[in-house]
Amino acid sequence: MREGLIPAVLGTVVSASGAALLCSKYKLAATGILGFGLAHVVLGAIDLVEHR
């Protein structure tokens, strides 16, 4: 399995759950979850590109 694929997929799942929570009363927590997920997507993508 390619290095960086797991963080990218995990970040996508976390970002989707954070985006789904944006309409709830916990907007601040949802924004943090969304940012955390997007950071994982970016770091996973960097690993995927770096380790071709």
PDB file of N, CA and C in Angstrom:
ATOM      1  N   MET A   1       0.852  -1.176   0.000  1.00  0.00           N
ATOM      2  CA  MET A   1       0.000   0.000   0.000  1.00  0.00           C
ATOM      3  C   MET A   1       0.897   1.238   0.000  1.00  0.00           C
ATOM      4  N   ARG A   2       0.495   2.235  -0.763  1.00  0.00           N
ATOM      5  CA  ARG A   2       1.318   3.427  -0.893  1.00  0.00           C
ATOM      6  C   ARG A   2       1.317   4.238   0.393  1.00  0.00           C
ATOM      7  N   GLU A   3       2.485   4.763   0.699  1.00  0.00           N
ATOM      8  CA  GLU A   3       2.634   5.576   1.899  1.00  0.00           C
ATOM      9  C   GLU A   3       1.887   6.898   1.714  1.00  0.00           C
ATOM     10  N   GLY A   4       1.081   7.259   2.676  1.00  0.00           N
ATOM     11  CA  GLY A   4       0.315   8.493   2.610  1.00  0.00           C
ATOM     12  C   GLY A   4      -1.136   8.282   2.231  1.00  0.00           C
ATOM     13  N   LEU A   5      -1.478   7.068   1.789  1.00  0.00           N
ATOM     14  CA  LEU A   5      -2.850   6.806   1.382  1.00  0.00           C
ATOM     15  C   LEU A   5      -3.790   6.737   2.584  1.00  0.00           C
ATOM     16  N   ILE A   6      -3.342   6.124   3.661  1.00  0.00           N
ATOM     17  CA  ILE A   6      -4.184   6.001   4.854  1.00  0.00           C
ATOM     18  C   ILE A   6      -4.489   7.372   5.472  1.00  0.00           C
ATOM     19  N   PRO A   7      -3.502   8.259   5.669  1.00  0.00           N
ATOM     20  CA  PRO A   7      -3.848   9.580   6.207  1.00  0.00           C
ATOM     21  C   PRO A   7      -4.772  10.377   5.287  1.00  0.00           C
ATOM     22  N   ALA A   8      -4.611  10.227   3.984  1.00  0.00           N
ATOM     23  CA  ALA A   8      -5.463  10.963   3.055  1.00  0.00           C
ATOM     24  C   ALA A   8      -6.906  10.472   3.125  1.00  0.00           C
ATOM     25  N   VAL A   9      -7.099   9.160   3.183  1.00  0.00           N
ATOM     26  CA  VAL A   9      -8.449   8.608   3.269  1.00  0.00           C
ATOM     27  C   VAL A   9      -9.076   8.922   4.625  1.00  0.00           C
ATOM     28  N   LEU A  10      -8.294   8.779   5.677  1.00  0.00           N
ATOM     29  CA  LEU A  10      -8.792   9.098   7.007  1.00  0.00           C
ATOM     30  C   LEU A  10      -9.163  10.580   7.109  1.00  0.00           C
ATOM     31  N   GLY A  11      -8.351  11.439   6.532  1.00  0.00           N
ATOM     32  CA  GLY A  11      -8.647  12.869   6.523  1.00  0.00           C
ATOM     33  C   GLY A  11      -9.908  13.196   5.757  1.00  0.00           C
ATOM     34  N   THR A  12     -10.156  12.462   4.678  1.00  0.00           N
ATOM     35  CA  THR A  12     -11.379  12.662   3.911  1.00  0.00           C
ATOM     36  C   THR A  12     -12.615  12.300   4.737  1.00  0.00           C
ATOM     37  N   VAL A  13     -12.535  11.198   5.463  1.00  0.00           N
ATOM     38  CA  VAL A  13     -13.656  10.774   6.307  1.00  0.00           C
ATOM     39  C   VAL A  13     -13.894  11.777   7.432  1.00  0.00           C
ATOM     40  N   VAL A  14     -12.826  12.229   8.060  1.00  0.00           N
ATOM     41  CA  VAL A  14     -12.954  13.186   9.164  1.00  0.00           C
ATOM     42  C   VAL A  14     -13.468  14.528   8.648  1.00  0.00           C
ATOM     43  N   SER A  15     -13.019  14.948   7.477  1.00  0.00           N
ATOM     44  CA  SER A  15     -13.492  16.198   6.897  1.00  0.00           C
ATOM     45  C   SER A  15     -14.974  16.124   6.557  1.00  0.00           C
ATOM     46  N   ALA A  16     -15.405  14.999   6.047  1.00  0.00           N
ATOM     47  CA  ALA A  16     -16.825  14.832   5.720  1.00  0.00           C
ATOM     48  C   ALA A  16     -17.690  14.864   6.969  1.00  0.00           C
ATOM     49  N   SER A  17     -17.226  14.248   8.034  1.00  0.00           N
ATOM     50  CA  SER A  17     -18.007  14.283   9.273  1.00  0.00           C
ATOM     51  C   SER A  17     -18.013  15.683   9.882  1.00  0.00           C
ATOM     52  N   GLY A  18     -16.907  16.397   9.762  1.00  0.00           N
ATOM     53  CA  GLY A  18     -16.875  17.781  10.244  1.00  0.00           C
ATOM     54  C   GLY A  18     -17.786  18.676   9.439  1.00  0.00           C
ATOM     55  N   ALA A  19     -17.839  18.465   8.122  1.00  0.00           N
ATOM     56  CA  ALA A  19     -18.723  19.261   7.268  1.00  0.00           C
ATOM     57  C   ALA A  19     -20.187  18.955   7.577  1.00  0.00           C
ATOM     58  N   ALA A  20     -20.478  17.710   7.907  1.00  0.00           N
ATOM     59  CA  ALA A  20     -21.849  17.345   8.251  1.00  0.00           C
ATOM     60  C   ALA A  20     -22.281  17.980   9.569  1.00  0.00           C
ATOM     61  N   LEU A  21     -21.346  18.201  10.461  1.00  0.00           N
ATOM     62  CA  LEU A  21     -21.669  18.789  11.760  1.00  0.00           C
ATOM     63  C   LEU A  21     -21.765  20.312  11.727  1.00  0.00           C
ATOM     64  N   LEU A  22     -21.414  20.934  10.621  1.00  0.00           N
ATOM     65  CA  LEU A  22     -21.437  22.398  10.555  1.00  0.00           C
ATOM     66  C   LEU A  22     -22.830  22.973  10.745  1.00  0.00           C
ATOM     67  N   CYS A  23     -23.858  22.203  10.426  1.00  0.00           N
ATOM     68  CA  CYS A  23     -25.234  22.692  10.571  1.00  0.00           C
ATOM     69  C   CYS A  23     -25.790  22.463  11.976  1.00  0.00           C
ATOM     70  N   SER A  24     -25.008  21.870  12.842  1.00  0.00           N
ATOM     71  CA  SER A  24     -25.480  21.615  14.200  1.00  0.00           C
ATOM     72  C   SER A  24     -25.174  22.803  15.110  1.00  0.00           C
ATOM     73  N   LYS A  25     -25.502  22.647  16.379  1.00  0.00           N
ATOM     74  CA  LYS A  25     -25.240  23.740  17.318  1.00  0.00           C
ATOM     75  C   LYS A  25     -23.783  23.766  17.786  1.00  0.00           C
ATOM     76  N   TYR A  26     -22.976  22.796  17.371  1.00  0.00           N
ATOM     77  CA  TYR A  26     -21.566  22.717  17.755  1.00  0.00           C
ATOM     78  C   TYR A  26     -20.670  23.196  16.616  1.00  0.00           C
ATOM     79  N   LYS A  27     -20.874  24.424  16.154  1.00  0.00           N
ATOM     80  CA  LYS A  27     -20.136  24.941  15.007  1.00  0.00           C
ATOM     81  C   LYS A  27     -18.636  25.047  15.273  1.00  0.00           C
ATOM     82  N   LEU A  28     -18.249  25.423  16.461  1.00  0.00           N
ATOM     83  CA  LEU A  28     -16.829  25.571  16.761  1.00  0.00           C
ATOM     84  C   LEU A  28     -16.117  24.222  16.731  1.00  0.00           C
ATOM     85  N   ALA A  29     -16.726  23.220  17.325  1.00  0.00           N
ATOM     86  CA  ALA A  29     -16.140  21.878  17.301  1.00  0.00           C
ATOM     87  C   ALA A  29     -16.110  21.324  15.880  1.00  0.00           C
ATOM     88  N   ALA A  30     -17.159  21.586  15.117  1.00  0.00           N
ATOM     89  CA  ALA A  30     -17.215  21.109  13.730  1.00  0.00           C
ATOM     90  C   ALA A  30     -16.131  21.762  12.884  1.00  0.00           C
ATOM     91  N   THR A  31     -15.865  23.039  13.129  1.00  0.00           N
ATOM     92  CA  THR A  31     -14.809  23.728  12.397  1.00  0.00           C
ATOM     93  C   THR A  31     -13.446  23.133  12.731  1.00  0.00           C
ATOM     94  N   GLY A  32     -13.216  22.812  13.990  1.00  0.00           N
ATOM     95  CA  GLY A  32     -11.964  22.174  14.395  1.00  0.00           C
ATOM     96  C   GLY A  32     -11.800  20.801  13.783  1.00  0.00           C
ATOM     97  N   ILE A  33     -12.869  20.015  13.765  1.00  0.00           N
ATOM     98  CA  ILE A  33     -12.819  18.680  13.164  1.00  0.00           C
ATOM     99  C   ILE A  33     -12.554  18.783  11.666  1.00  0.00           C
ATOM    100  N   LEU A  34     -13.203  19.738  11.017  1.00  0.00           N
ATOM    101  CA  LEU A  34     -13.007  19.933   9.587  1.00  0.00           C
ATOM    102  C   LEU A  34     -11.558  20.329   9.281  1.00  0.00           C
ATOM    103  N   GLY A  35     -11.002  21.225  10.066  1.00  0.00           N
ATOM    104  CA  GLY A  35      -9.611  21.630   9.869  1.00  0.00           C
ATOM    105  C   GLY A  35      -8.634  20.498  10.117  1.00  0.00           C
ATOM    106  N   PHE A  36      -8.912  19.706  11.136  1.00  0.00           N
ATOM    107  CA  PHE A  36      -8.068  18.548  11.450  1.00  0.00           C
ATOM    108  C   PHE A  36      -8.074  17.557  10.289  1.00  0.00           C
ATOM    109  N   GLY A  37      -9.245  17.319   9.724  1.00  0.00           N
ATOM    110  CA  GLY A  37      -9.358  16.407   8.593  1.00  0.00           C
ATOM    111  C   GLY A  37      -8.655  16.941   7.360  1.00  0.00           C
ATOM    112  N   LEU A  38      -8.815  18.233   7.092  1.00  0.00           N
ATOM    113  CA  LEU A  38      -8.160  18.821   5.926  1.00  0.00           C
ATOM    114  C   LEU A  38      -6.638  18.797   6.063  1.00  0.00           C
ATOM    115  N   ALA A  39      -6.140  18.960   7.284  1.00  0.00           N
ATOM    116  CA  ALA A  39      -4.698  18.867   7.507  1.00  0.00           C
ATOM    117  C   ALA A  39      -4.199  17.462   7.188  1.00  0.00           C
ATOM    118  N   HIS A  40      -4.966  16.446   7.552  1.00  0.00           N
ATOM    119  CA  HIS A  40      -4.571  15.072   7.239  1.00  0.00           C
ATOM    120  C   HIS A  40      -4.596  14.817   5.734  1.00  0.00           C
ATOM    121  N   VAL A  41      -5.577  15.385   5.049  1.00  0.00           N
ATOM    122  CA  VAL A  41      -5.631  15.224   3.595  1.00  0.00           C
ATOM    123  C   VAL A  41      -4.392  15.837   2.951  1.00  0.00           C
ATOM    124  N   VAL A  42      -4.030  17.029   3.389  1.00  0.00           N
ATOM    125  CA  VAL A  42      -2.861  17.712   2.820  1.00  0.00           C
ATOM    126  C   VAL A  42      -1.580  16.930   3.114  1.00  0.00           C
ATOM    127  N   LEU A  43      -1.405  16.494   4.336  1.00  0.00           N
ATOM    128  CA  LEU A  43      -0.197  15.749   4.685  1.00  0.00           C
ATOM    129  C   LEU A  43      -0.125  14.400   3.971  1.00  0.00           C
ATOM    130  N   GLY A  44      -1.277  13.734   3.830  1.00  0.00           N
ATOM    131  CA  GLY A  44      -1.299  12.478   3.085  1.00  0.00           C
ATOM    132  C   GLY A  44      -0.981  12.689   1.619  1.00  0.00           C
ATOM    133  N   ALA A  45      -1.488  13.773   1.043  1.00  0.00           N
ATOM    134  CA  ALA A  45      -1.203  14.073  -0.360  1.00  0.00           C
ATOM    135  C   ALA A  45       0.272  14.398  -0.566  1.00  0.00           C
ATOM    136  N   ILE A  46       0.857  15.095   0.382  1.00  0.00           N
ATOM    137  CA  ILE A  46       2.294  15.384   0.294  1.00  0.00           C
ATOM    138  C   ILE A  46       3.097  14.082   0.319  1.00  0.00           C
ATOM    139  N   ASP A  47       2.733  13.156   1.190  1.00  0.00           N
ATOM    140  CA  ASP A  47       3.425  11.863   1.240  1.00  0.00           C
ATOM    141  C   ASP A  47       3.238  11.087  -0.057  1.00  0.00           C
ATOM    142  N   LEU A  48       2.029  11.132  -0.619  1.00  0.00           N
ATOM    143  CA  LEU A  48       1.793  10.420  -1.871  1.00  0.00           C
ATOM    144  C   LEU A  48       2.632  10.966  -3.005  1.00  0.00           C
ATOM    145  N   VAL A  49       2.753  12.285  -3.076  1.00  0.00           N
ATOM    146  CA  VAL A  49       3.531  12.899  -4.150  1.00  0.00           C
ATOM    147  C   VAL A  49       5.022  12.698  -3.920  1.00  0.00           C
ATOM    148  N   GLU A  50       5.442  12.780  -2.678  1.00  0.00           N
ATOM    149  CA  GLU A  50       6.866  12.682  -2.354  1.00  0.00           C
ATOM    150  C   GLU A  50       7.424  11.287  -2.575  1.00  0.00           C
ATOM    151  N   HIS A  51       6.641  10.267  -2.282  1.00  0.00           N
ATOM    152  CA  HIS A  51       7.116   8.872  -2.342  1.00  0.00           C
ATOM    153  C   HIS A  51       6.537   8.157  -3.562  1.00  0.00           C
ATOM    154  N   ARG A  52       6.743   8.695  -4.737  1.00  0.00           N
ATOM    155  CA  ARG A  52       6.233   8.059  -5.959  1.00  0.00           C
ATOM    156  C   ARG A  52       6.958   6.815  -6.274  1.00  0.00           C
TER     157      ARG A  52
END
